[in-house]
Amino acid sequence: RNEIQVVRVDRLEVYWPHQKYNYFLLKDLVITNKSSHPKILFLEGNLDLDPYFKTGEGKSLASLKIEYNEFPEKIIKSNLLGALREGFFSFQLVNRVEDDKFQLQAELKNVSLSLLKSFSDEFPKDLNLKSNWLGMKLYSEGSSKAILNSSVQLKDVLVNGDLGELAIDDVNFPNGFK
């Protein structure tokens, strides 16, 4: 009859369909049942960033916190905070479950542009991005079913490095990144 109050997991790996899915690994996961009526759950843990960013500087982890709350409405709040070399990043996502709406706020500060090479092989090999950094704030909101079509606003974009800097105050994508 008693509900479980706390669950601790040292390491959570996802397998899809029959092999390890290398892009999702949580460590030191703690799930806490704070209340049954209304239901309030907390999840805290560390997300392994190595599959996303090849930093070559040992393990990269980001702190992940998720809260599910049913009162006054069903809401999922997610926070991800981590360091990447000299810089840091943060993401805050609020998902209103019943009306399928989301709000996203993200910030990058002094993140090395060389990490972009982790996402794409399109960058020229002779392009040295190690001495260049990116900072910006991102805001987006819309339907959870059409995230890529939701409005996006970039603010305080700053790319700086050895050859100078480029600053943009405000960029809007009213139809998202489609």
C-alpha atoms as a PDB file:
ATOM      1  CA  ARG A   1       0.000   0.000   0.000  1.00  0.00           C
ATOM      2  CA  ASN A   2       2.879   2.386   0.639  1.00  0.00           C
ATOM      3  CA  GLU A   3       4.182   4.168  -2.408  1.00  0.00           C
ATOM      4  CA  ILE A   4       7.867   4.149  -3.225  1.00  0.00           C
ATOM      5  CA  GLN A   5       9.387   7.455  -2.129  1.00  0.00           C
ATOM      6  CA  VAL A   6      12.883   7.326  -3.703  1.00  0.00           C
ATOM      7  CA  VAL A   7      14.473   5.251  -6.478  1.00  0.00           C
ATOM      8  CA  ARG A   8      18.226   5.429  -7.135  1.00  0.00           C
ATOM      9  CA  VAL A   9      19.835   4.180 -10.350  1.00  0.00           C
ATOM     10  CA  ASP A  10      23.614   4.263 -10.827  1.00  0.00           C
ATOM     11  CA  ARG A  11      23.524   3.975 -14.610  1.00  0.00           C
ATOM     12  CA  LEU A  12      20.670   3.878 -17.115  1.00  0.00           C
ATOM     13  CA  GLU A  13      21.375   2.740 -20.675  1.00  0.00           C
ATOM     14  CA  VAL A  14      18.828   2.550 -23.474  1.00  0.00           C
ATOM     15  CA  TYR A  15      18.830  -0.296 -26.008  1.00  0.00           C
ATOM     16  CA  TRP A  16      17.004   0.186 -29.302  1.00  0.00           C
ATOM     17  CA  PRO A  17      15.802  -2.160 -30.749  1.00  0.00           C
ATOM     18  CA  HIS A  18      18.387  -4.803 -29.733  1.00  0.00           C
ATOM     19  CA  GLN A  19      21.596  -2.834 -29.429  1.00  0.00           C
ATOM     20  CA  LYS A  20      22.820  -0.102 -27.140  1.00  0.00           C
ATOM     21  CA  TYR A  21      21.582   3.356 -28.133  1.00  0.00           C
ATOM     22  CA  ASN A  22      24.759   5.397 -27.612  1.00  0.00           C
ATOM     23  CA  TYR A  23      23.131   8.812 -27.513  1.00  0.00           C
ATOM     24  CA  PHE A  24      21.447   8.493 -24.158  1.00  0.00           C
ATOM     25  CA  LEU A  25      23.168   7.563 -20.904  1.00  0.00           C
ATOM     26  CA  LEU A  26      22.078   8.787 -17.483  1.00  0.00           C
ATOM     27  CA  LYS A  27      24.191   8.341 -14.347  1.00  0.00           C
ATOM     28  CA  ASP A  28      23.482   8.817 -10.641  1.00  0.00           C
ATOM     29  CA  LEU A  29      19.752   9.023 -11.261  1.00  0.00           C
ATOM     30  CA  VAL A  30      17.430   9.750  -8.310  1.00  0.00           C
ATOM     31  CA  ILE A  31      13.647   9.734  -8.709  1.00  0.00           C
ATOM     32  CA  THR A  32      11.726  11.167  -5.761  1.00  0.00           C
ATOM     33  CA  ASN A  33       7.979  10.909  -5.195  1.00  0.00           C
ATOM     34  CA  LYS A  34       7.234  14.166  -3.330  1.00  0.00           C
ATOM     35  CA  SER A  35       3.436  13.889  -3.288  1.00  0.00           C
ATOM     36  CA  SER A  36       0.664  11.583  -4.432  1.00  0.00           C
ATOM     37  CA  HIS A  37      -2.234  14.052  -4.355  1.00  0.00           C
ATOM     38  CA  PRO A  38      -1.439  16.073  -6.401  1.00  0.00           C
ATOM     39  CA  LYS A  39       1.257  13.947  -8.008  1.00  0.00           C
ATOM     40  CA  ILE A  40       4.689  15.593  -7.823  1.00  0.00           C
ATOM     41  CA  LEU A  41       7.782  13.717  -9.020  1.00  0.00           C
ATOM     42  CA  PHE A  42      11.415  14.867  -9.223  1.00  0.00           C
ATOM     43  CA  LEU A  43      14.139  13.275 -11.307  1.00  0.00           C
ATOM     44  CA  GLU A  44      17.773  14.319 -10.912  1.00  0.00           C
ATOM     45  CA  GLY A  45      20.831  12.863 -12.564  1.00  0.00           C
ATOM     46  CA  ASN A  46      23.755  13.404 -14.883  1.00  0.00           C
ATOM     47  CA  LEU A  47      23.550  13.115 -18.656  1.00  0.00           C
ATOM     48  CA  ASP A  48      26.704  11.812 -20.365  1.00  0.00           C
ATOM     49  CA  LEU A  49      27.616  14.343 -23.108  1.00  0.00           C
ATOM     50  CA  ASP A  50      30.450  12.342 -24.679  1.00  0.00           C
ATOM     51  CA  PRO A  51      28.268  10.903 -27.487  1.00  0.00           C
ATOM     52  CA  TYR A  52      27.341  14.467 -28.512  1.00  0.00           C
ATOM     53  CA  PHE A  53      30.598  16.385 -28.043  1.00  0.00           C
ATOM     54  CA  LYS A  54      34.019  14.909 -28.621  1.00  0.00           C
ATOM     55  CA  THR A  55      35.981  17.166 -26.281  1.00  0.00           C
ATOM     56  CA  GLY A  56      38.967  14.887 -25.751  1.00  0.00           C
ATOM     57  CA  GLU A  57      39.147  16.140 -22.167  1.00  0.00           C
ATOM     58  CA  GLY A  58      37.698  13.234 -20.229  1.00  0.00           C
ATOM     59  CA  LYS A  59      34.086  12.672 -19.311  1.00  0.00           C
ATOM     60  CA  SER A  60      31.640  15.499 -19.918  1.00  0.00           C
ATOM     61  CA  LEU A  61      28.470  15.431 -17.846  1.00  0.00           C
ATOM     62  CA  ALA A  62      25.484  17.757 -17.621  1.00  0.00           C
ATOM     63  CA  SER A  63      23.186  18.058 -14.639  1.00  0.00           C
ATOM     64  CA  LEU A  64      19.607  17.067 -15.511  1.00  0.00           C
ATOM     65  CA  LYS A  65      16.579  17.944 -13.362  1.00  0.00           C
ATOM     66  CA  ILE A  66      12.993  17.151 -14.294  1.00  0.00           C
ATOM     67  CA  GLU A  67       9.865  17.925 -12.275  1.00  0.00           C
ATOM     68  CA  TYR A  68       6.393  16.569 -13.015  1.00  0.00           C
ATOM     69  CA  ASN A  69       3.556  18.380 -11.235  1.00  0.00           C
ATOM     70  CA  GLU A  70      -0.193  17.867 -11.651  1.00  0.00           C
ATOM     71  CA  PHE A  71      -1.382  21.003  -9.866  1.00  0.00           C
ATOM     72  CA  PRO A  72      -2.665  23.510 -10.923  1.00  0.00           C
ATOM     73  CA  GLU A  73      -2.129  21.847 -14.322  1.00  0.00           C
ATOM     74  CA  LYS A  74      -0.034  18.958 -15.601  1.00  0.00           C
ATOM     75  CA  ILE A  75       3.416  20.424 -16.245  1.00  0.00           C
ATOM     76  CA  ILE A  76       6.834  18.947 -16.909  1.00  0.00           C
ATOM     77  CA  LYS A  77       9.770  21.272 -16.176  1.00  0.00           C
ATOM     78  CA  SER A  78      13.186  20.177 -17.398  1.00  0.00           C
ATOM     79  CA  ASN A  79      16.559  21.816 -16.738  1.00  0.00           C
ATOM     80  CA  LEU A  80      19.890  20.839 -18.229  1.00  0.00           C
ATOM     81  CA  LEU A  81      23.089  22.613 -17.157  1.00  0.00           C
ATOM     82  CA  GLY A  82      26.605  21.740 -18.207  1.00  0.00           C
ATOM     83  CA  ALA A  83      30.103  22.948 -18.970  1.00  0.00           C
ATOM     84  CA  LEU A  84      31.879  22.655 -22.312  1.00  0.00           C
ATOM     85  CA  ARG A  85      35.555  23.544 -22.094  1.00  0.00           C
ATOM     86  CA  GLU A  86      35.713  27.245 -21.096  1.00  0.00           C
ATOM     87  CA  GLY A  87      31.988  27.809 -21.459  1.00  0.00           C
ATOM     88  CA  PHE A  88      28.655  26.575 -20.237  1.00  0.00           C
ATOM     89  CA  PHE A  89      25.148  25.926 -21.510  1.00  0.00           C
ATOM     90  CA  SER A  90      21.717  25.764 -19.952  1.00  0.00           C
ATOM     91  CA  PHE A  91      18.318  24.637 -21.231  1.00  0.00           C
ATOM     92  CA  GLN A  92      14.986  25.134 -19.494  1.00  0.00           C
ATOM     93  CA  LEU A  93      11.974  23.450 -21.046  1.00  0.00           C
ATOM     94  CA  VAL A  94       8.399  23.738 -19.755  1.00  0.00           C
ATOM     95  CA  ASN A  95       5.857  21.393 -21.292  1.00  0.00           C
ATOM     96  CA  ARG A  96       2.170  21.918 -20.537  1.00  0.00           C
ATOM     97  CA  VAL A  97       0.869  18.382 -21.020  1.00  0.00           C
ATOM     98  CA  GLU A  98      -2.867  18.938 -21.452  1.00  0.00           C
ATOM     99  CA  ASP A  99      -2.661  21.586 -24.196  1.00  0.00           C
ATOM    100  CA  ASP A 100       0.539  20.220 -25.836  1.00  0.00           C
ATOM    101  CA  LYS A 101       2.408  23.543 -25.550  1.00  0.00           C
ATOM    102  CA  PHE A 102       6.060  24.089 -24.745  1.00  0.00           C
ATOM    103  CA  GLN A 103       8.381  26.960 -23.858  1.00  0.00           C
ATOM    104  CA  LEU A 104      12.134  26.663 -24.252  1.00  0.00           C
ATOM    105  CA  GLN A 105      14.869  28.978 -23.020  1.00  0.00           C
ATOM    106  CA  ALA A 106      18.511  28.194 -23.684  1.00  0.00           C
ATOM    107  CA  GLU A 107      21.791  29.989 -23.190  1.00  0.00           C
ATOM    108  CA  LEU A 108      25.316  29.363 -24.434  1.00  0.00           C
ATOM    109  CA  LYS A 109      28.232  31.318 -23.021  1.00  0.00           C
ATOM    110  CA  ASN A 110      31.829  31.059 -24.282  1.00  0.00           C
ATOM    111  CA  VAL A 111      31.252  27.719 -26.003  1.00  0.00           C
ATOM    112  CA  SER A 112      34.079  26.780 -28.368  1.00  0.00           C
ATOM    113  CA  LEU A 113      32.986  26.694 -32.006  1.00  0.00           C
ATOM    114  CA  SER A 114      35.269  23.696 -32.512  1.00  0.00           C
ATOM    115  CA  LEU A 115      32.561  21.626 -30.803  1.00  0.00           C
ATOM    116  CA  LEU A 116      30.341  22.247 -33.852  1.00  0.00           C
ATOM    117  CA  LYS A 117      32.553  19.821 -35.744  1.00  0.00           C
ATOM    118  CA  SER A 118      31.075  17.096 -33.527  1.00  0.00           C
ATOM    119  CA  PHE A 119      27.705  17.619 -35.203  1.00  0.00           C
ATOM    120  CA  SER A 120      28.746  17.769 -38.838  1.00  0.00           C
ATOM    121  CA  ASP A 121      31.491  16.648 -41.191  1.00  0.00           C
ATOM    122  CA  GLU A 122      30.659  19.614 -43.462  1.00  0.00           C
ATOM    123  CA  PHE A 123      33.250  21.923 -41.883  1.00  0.00           C
ATOM    124  CA  PRO A 124      36.447  22.308 -43.904  1.00  0.00           C
ATOM    125  CA  LYS A 125      39.350  20.408 -42.317  1.00  0.00           C
ATOM    126  CA  ASP A 126      41.663  23.435 -42.457  1.00  0.00           C
ATOM    127  CA  LEU A 127      39.190  25.716 -40.641  1.00  0.00           C
ATOM    128  CA  ASN A 128      40.531  26.326 -37.123  1.00  0.00           C
ATOM    129  CA  LEU A 129      37.612  27.002 -34.826  1.00  0.00           C
ATOM    130  CA  LYS A 130      39.492  26.401 -31.542  1.00  0.00           C
ATOM    131  CA  SER A 131      40.127  30.118 -30.974  1.00  0.00           C
ATOM    132  CA  ASN A 132      36.507  31.147 -31.542  1.00  0.00           C
ATOM    133  CA  TRP A 133      33.625  31.168 -29.082  1.00  0.00           C
ATOM    134  CA  LEU A 134      29.865  31.485 -29.243  1.00  0.00           C
ATOM    135  CA  GLY A 135      27.430  33.039 -26.813  1.00  0.00           C
ATOM    136  CA  MET A 136      23.676  33.521 -27.254  1.00  0.00           C
ATOM    137  CA  LYS A 137      20.212  33.195 -25.755  1.00  0.00           C
ATOM    138  CA  LEU A 138      17.431  31.263 -27.470  1.00  0.00           C
ATOM    139  CA  TYR A 139      13.678  31.431 -26.857  1.00  0.00           C
ATOM    140  CA  SER A 140      11.076  29.225 -28.491  1.00  0.00           C
ATOM    141  CA  GLU A 141       7.477  28.319 -27.847  1.00  0.00           C
ATOM    142  CA  GLY A 142       4.657  26.585 -29.608  1.00  0.00           C
ATOM    143  CA  SER A 143       2.989  23.232 -30.085  1.00  0.00           C
ATOM    144  CA  SER A 144       4.818  20.168 -28.788  1.00  0.00           C
ATOM    145  CA  LYS A 145       3.669  18.341 -31.920  1.00  0.00           C
ATOM    146  CA  ALA A 146       5.331  20.885 -34.242  1.00  0.00           C
ATOM    147  CA  ILE A 147       8.535  21.897 -32.464  1.00  0.00           C
ATOM    148  CA  LEU A 148      10.512  22.533 -35.663  1.00  0.00           C
ATOM    149  CA  ASN A 149       7.752  24.863 -36.926  1.00  0.00           C
ATOM    150  CA  SER A 150       7.580  26.879 -33.697  1.00  0.00           C
ATOM    151  CA  SER A 151       8.818  30.447 -33.460  1.00  0.00           C
ATOM    152  CA  VAL A 152      12.461  30.896 -32.434  1.00  0.00           C
ATOM    153  CA  GLN A 153      14.161  34.058 -31.223  1.00  0.00           C
ATOM    154  CA  LEU A 154      17.935  34.396 -30.836  1.00  0.00           C
ATOM    155  CA  LYS A 155      19.182  37.256 -28.664  1.00  0.00           C
ATOM    156  CA  ASP A 156      22.607  38.623 -27.772  1.00  0.00           C
ATOM    157  CA  VAL A 157      24.433  36.443 -30.303  1.00  0.00           C
ATOM    158  CA  LEU A 158      28.195  36.926 -30.003  1.00  0.00           C
ATOM    159  CA  VAL A 159      30.880  35.101 -31.968  1.00  0.00           C
ATOM    160  CA  ASN A 160      34.356  36.212 -31.002  1.00  0.00           C
ATOM    161  CA  GLY A 161      37.895  35.045 -31.524  1.00  0.00           C
ATOM    162  CA  ASP A 162      41.356  35.902 -32.787  1.00  0.00           C
ATOM    163  CA  LEU A 163      40.135  37.794 -35.837  1.00  0.00           C
ATOM    164  CA  GLY A 164      37.484  39.905 -34.103  1.00  0.00           C
ATOM    165  CA  GLU A 165      33.866  39.549 -33.155  1.00  0.00           C
ATOM    166  CA  LEU A 166      30.415  39.448 -34.663  1.00  0.00           C
ATOM    167  CA  ALA A 167      27.454  40.576 -32.557  1.00  0.00           C
ATOM    168  CA  ILE A 168      23.753  40.345 -33.408  1.00  0.00           C
ATOM    169  CA  ASP A 169      21.162  41.734 -31.003  1.00  0.00           C
ATOM    170  CA  ASP A 170      18.028  39.945 -32.154  1.00  0.00           C
ATOM    171  CA  VAL A 171      17.127  37.381 -34.841  1.00  0.00           C
ATOM    172  CA  ASN A 172      13.610  35.990 -35.257  1.00  0.00           C
ATOM    173  CA  PHE A 173      12.464  32.861 -37.067  1.00  0.00           C
ATOM    174  CA  PRO A 174       8.654  33.102 -36.859  1.00  0.00           C
ATOM    175  CA  ASN A 175       8.173  29.732 -38.606  1.00  0.00           C
ATOM    176  CA  GLY A 176      10.992  27.879 -36.848  1.00  0.00           C
ATOM    177  CA  PHE A 177      13.907  26.112 -38.499  1.00  0.00           C
ATOM    178  CA  LYS A 178      11.952  24.162 -41.102  1.00  0.00           C
END
